[in-house]
Protein backbone atom coordinates (compact mmCIF):
# COMPACT_ATOMS: atom_id res chain seq x y z
CA MET A 1 -6.84 15.16 12.19
CA THR A 2 -7.25 18.30 10.15
CA ASP A 3 -10.73 19.26 9.01
CA ILE A 4 -9.71 18.84 5.36
CA LEU A 5 -8.30 15.35 5.89
CA ASP A 6 -11.24 14.29 8.04
CA ALA A 7 -13.74 15.50 5.45
CA LEU A 8 -11.83 13.72 2.69
CA ARG A 9 -11.77 10.47 4.68
CA THR A 10 -15.51 10.74 5.30
CA ARG A 11 -16.14 11.21 1.57
CA ALA A 12 -13.90 8.26 0.66
CA GLU A 13 -15.56 5.94 3.17
CA ALA A 14 -18.96 6.81 1.67
CA CYS A 15 -17.82 6.36 -1.94
CA VAL A 16 -20.04 4.17 -4.13
CA LEU A 17 -18.56 5.11 -7.52
CA CYS A 18 -17.71 1.50 -8.42
CA ALA A 19 -20.63 -0.17 -6.64
CA ASP A 20 -21.99 -1.78 -9.80
CA HIS A 21 -18.64 -3.53 -10.37
CA LEU A 22 -18.01 -4.80 -6.83
CA PRO A 23 -19.31 -8.32 -6.13
CA LEU A 24 -19.42 -7.77 -2.36
CA GLY A 25 -20.48 -4.15 -2.58
CA PRO A 26 -18.49 -1.08 -1.57
CA ARG A 27 -16.59 -1.07 1.70
CA PRO A 28 -13.69 1.37 1.42
CA VAL A 29 -10.79 0.43 3.70
CA LEU A 30 -8.18 3.07 4.49
CA ARG A 31 -6.33 4.64 7.41
CA VAL A 32 -5.17 8.23 7.09
CA SER A 33 -3.49 10.57 9.53
CA ASP A 34 -2.01 14.05 9.69
CA THR A 35 0.97 12.85 11.75
CA ALA A 36 1.99 9.61 10.00
CA ARG A 37 5.30 10.00 8.17
CA LEU A 38 5.03 6.59 6.50
CA LEU A 39 2.34 5.70 3.96
CA VAL A 40 1.65 2.20 2.67
CA VAL A 41 0.08 2.09 -0.80
CA GLY A 42 -0.91 -1.43 -1.77
CA GLN A 43 -3.28 -2.93 -4.30
CA ALA A 44 -6.81 -3.44 -2.94
CA PRO A 45 -8.45 -5.23 -0.01
CA GLY A 46 -8.92 -8.98 -0.11
CA THR A 47 -11.96 -10.79 1.21
CA ARG A 48 -10.74 -10.96 4.81
CA VAL A 49 -9.93 -7.26 4.82
CA HIS A 50 -13.35 -6.56 3.32
CA GLU A 51 -14.98 -8.59 6.08
CA THR A 52 -13.06 -7.01 8.96
CA GLY A 53 -12.50 -3.49 7.66
CA ILE A 54 -8.88 -3.74 8.81
CA PRO A 55 -6.24 -3.23 6.07
CA TRP A 56 -3.56 -5.90 5.63
CA ASN A 57 -5.38 -8.12 8.12
CA ASP A 58 -4.33 -11.34 6.41
CA ALA A 59 -1.31 -13.50 5.59
CA SER A 60 0.00 -10.90 3.14
CA GLY A 61 -0.13 -8.34 5.93
CA ASP A 62 1.82 -10.67 8.22
CA ARG A 63 4.56 -10.94 5.61
CA LEU A 64 4.57 -7.20 4.93
CA ARG A 65 4.93 -6.45 8.64
CA ASP A 66 7.80 -8.92 8.80
CA TRP A 67 9.49 -7.16 5.89
CA MET A 68 9.05 -3.82 7.67
CA GLY A 69 10.21 -5.14 11.04
CA LEU A 70 6.96 -4.12 12.74
CA ASP A 71 4.51 -5.91 15.00
CA ARG A 72 0.77 -5.37 14.59
CA ALA A 73 0.63 -2.68 17.27
CA ALA A 74 3.25 -0.53 15.55
CA PHE A 75 1.85 -1.16 12.07
CA TYR A 76 -1.65 -0.10 13.12
CA ASP A 77 -0.46 2.94 15.09
CA LEU A 78 -2.35 5.54 13.08
CA SER A 79 -0.21 8.35 14.43
CA ARG A 80 2.78 6.82 12.62
CA VAL A 81 1.55 4.69 9.68
CA ALA A 82 -1.11 5.61 7.12
CA ILE A 83 -2.57 3.08 4.66
CA LEU A 84 -4.18 4.02 1.36
CA PRO A 85 -4.54 1.26 -1.26
CA MET A 86 -4.87 1.93 -4.99
CA GLY A 87 -8.34 0.44 -4.80
CA LEU A 88 -10.24 1.14 -1.59
CA CYS A 89 -12.71 -1.74 -2.04
CA TYR A 90 -12.45 -5.46 -2.71
CA PRO A 91 -12.57 -5.79 -6.53
CA GLY A 92 -13.63 -9.43 -6.78
CA ARG A 93 -11.84 -12.39 -8.31
CA ALA A 94 -9.78 -12.23 -11.46
CA LYS A 95 -11.23 -13.93 -14.52
CA GLY A 96 -9.38 -16.75 -16.26
CA LYS A 97 -6.76 -19.15 -15.04
CA GLY A 98 -4.55 -18.63 -12.03
CA GLY A 99 -7.13 -17.27 -9.64
CA GLY A 100 -6.30 -14.42 -7.34
CA ASP A 101 -8.05 -11.12 -6.91
CA ALA A 102 -8.89 -8.78 -9.75
CA PRO A 103 -6.89 -5.57 -10.20
CA PRO A 104 -7.97 -2.50 -8.26
CA ARG A 105 -10.76 -0.58 -9.96
CA PRO A 106 -9.13 1.88 -12.38
CA GLU A 107 -11.34 4.77 -11.24
CA CYS A 108 -10.17 4.61 -7.65
CA GLY A 109 -6.49 5.57 -7.66
CA PRO A 110 -6.83 8.74 -9.77
CA LEU A 111 -9.83 9.80 -7.68
CA TRP A 112 -8.38 9.39 -4.18
CA GLN A 113 -4.58 9.18 -4.24
CA PRO A 114 -3.85 12.82 -5.25
CA PRO A 115 -6.16 14.58 -2.76
CA PHE A 116 -5.08 12.38 0.13
CA LEU A 117 -1.40 12.95 -0.63
CA GLU A 118 -2.04 16.69 -0.77
CA ALA A 119 -3.85 16.49 2.58
CA MET A 120 -0.96 14.56 4.20
CA PRO A 121 2.11 16.70 3.44
CA GLN A 122 3.91 15.28 6.47
CA VAL A 123 4.37 11.90 4.75
CA GLU A 124 8.08 11.43 4.05
CA CYS A 125 8.13 7.94 2.56
CA ILE A 126 5.62 5.89 0.58
CA LEU A 127 5.91 2.11 0.34
CA LEU A 128 4.72 1.16 -3.13
CA VAL A 129 3.54 -2.42 -2.71
CA GLY A 130 3.03 -4.07 -6.09
CA GLY A 131 2.99 -2.99 -9.70
CA TYR A 132 -0.21 -0.93 -9.62
CA ALA A 133 1.09 1.38 -6.91
CA GLN A 134 4.44 1.68 -8.67
CA ALA A 135 2.87 2.47 -12.03
CA PHE A 136 0.69 5.21 -10.56
CA HIS A 137 3.27 6.90 -8.35
CA LEU A 138 6.48 6.41 -10.33
CA GLY A 139 5.05 6.68 -13.83
CA LYS A 140 7.71 6.67 -16.52
CA ALA A 141 10.47 6.60 -13.91
CA ARG A 142 9.75 2.96 -13.09
CA ALA A 143 11.54 0.14 -14.88
CA ALA A 144 9.98 -2.09 -17.53
CA THR A 145 9.07 -4.76 -14.96
CA MET A 146 8.13 -4.81 -11.29
CA THR A 147 11.22 -6.91 -10.57
CA GLU A 148 13.57 -4.35 -12.09
CA THR A 149 11.75 -1.50 -10.38
CA VAL A 150 12.26 -3.18 -7.01
CA ARG A 151 15.88 -3.99 -7.87
CA ARG A 152 16.43 -0.28 -8.56
CA PHE A 153 14.85 0.68 -5.24
CA ALA A 154 17.74 2.99 -4.34
CA ASP A 155 16.91 5.20 -7.34
CA PHE A 156 13.56 6.12 -5.81
CA GLY A 157 14.61 6.84 -2.23
CA PRO A 158 14.15 8.26 0.23
CA GLY A 159 10.63 9.23 -0.80
CA TYR A 160 9.57 5.87 -2.23
CA VAL A 161 10.37 2.23 -1.57
CA PRO A 162 9.00 -0.10 -4.29
CA LEU A 163 8.17 -3.61 -3.08
CA PRO A 164 6.66 -6.75 -4.58
CA HIS A 165 3.28 -7.77 -3.26
CA PRO A 166 3.77 -9.91 -0.12
CA SER A 167 1.22 -12.48 -1.26
CA TRP A 168 2.06 -16.16 -0.82
CA ARG A 169 1.82 -16.31 -4.61
CA ASN A 170 5.11 -14.40 -4.73
CA THR A 171 7.05 -16.92 -2.63
CA ALA A 172 8.58 -18.39 -5.78
CA TRP A 173 9.54 -14.88 -6.90
CA MET A 174 11.42 -14.36 -3.65
CA ARG A 175 13.30 -17.63 -4.14
CA ARG A 176 14.31 -16.55 -7.64
CA ASN A 177 15.41 -13.14 -6.40
CA PRO A 178 17.43 -13.62 -3.20
CA TRP A 179 18.84 -10.10 -3.55
CA PHE A 180 15.46 -8.78 -2.36
CA GLU A 181 15.84 -10.23 1.11
CA ALA A 182 19.59 -9.56 1.25
CA GLU A 183 19.63 -6.01 -0.12
CA VAL A 184 16.19 -4.42 -0.01
CA LEU A 185 14.75 -5.60 3.29
CA PRO A 186 17.59 -4.30 5.50
CA VAL A 187 17.21 -0.86 3.92
CA LEU A 188 13.44 -1.02 4.28
CA LYS A 189 13.65 -1.94 7.96
CA GLU A 190 16.11 0.87 8.64
CA ARG A 191 13.97 3.43 6.81
CA VAL A 192 10.85 2.34 8.68
CA ARG A 193 12.66 2.40 12.01
CA ASP A 194 13.97 5.92 11.37
CA LEU A 195 10.58 7.25 10.35
CA LEU A 196 8.78 5.75 13.32
CA THR A 197 11.31 6.61 16.00
CA CYS A 198 13.20 9.75 14.99
CA PRO A 199 11.84 13.28 15.39
CA HIS A 200 10.28 14.96 12.35
CA SER A 201 12.82 16.37 9.93
């Protein structure tokens, strides 16, 4: 790991900027690398990830790995896959009906996404998992809804692949949108396979 990237990771792991807003306290969870060509940008850690310090170490991670066509060993191979959520720490539960976790802290993405991307120029493709990642990285280029952004996935390649969040809460969404499994997942699996097996371009 380069000195710049290592120093940046050390700073991020020690970040306490949002401490007063985090019900379980700060525990930044990220995995960065100067060789990984694939970067996964999700939302924020859940409680299990907060407890273990391992990103996507839950049922959502199992589904995401299935979408990508990877087992745990390949997914957690830091030389090939980097992971940098929009919020590095567990944000707590959402208020109101419906449950679920709160959105990532708004301070986090603007603070850490740009410098880490600059420090990892070898990244060739970013998986944008969920609306927060898509809004930040695609900006005005994204569609009006997450569904339409994912449907237009080909417009953002090869540098980005927008995906819905793999939470069990989105199972009904997948049933309503069978094109996702039929059209997007085969392309995603092929892109991941190429990035993880082919020589650097």
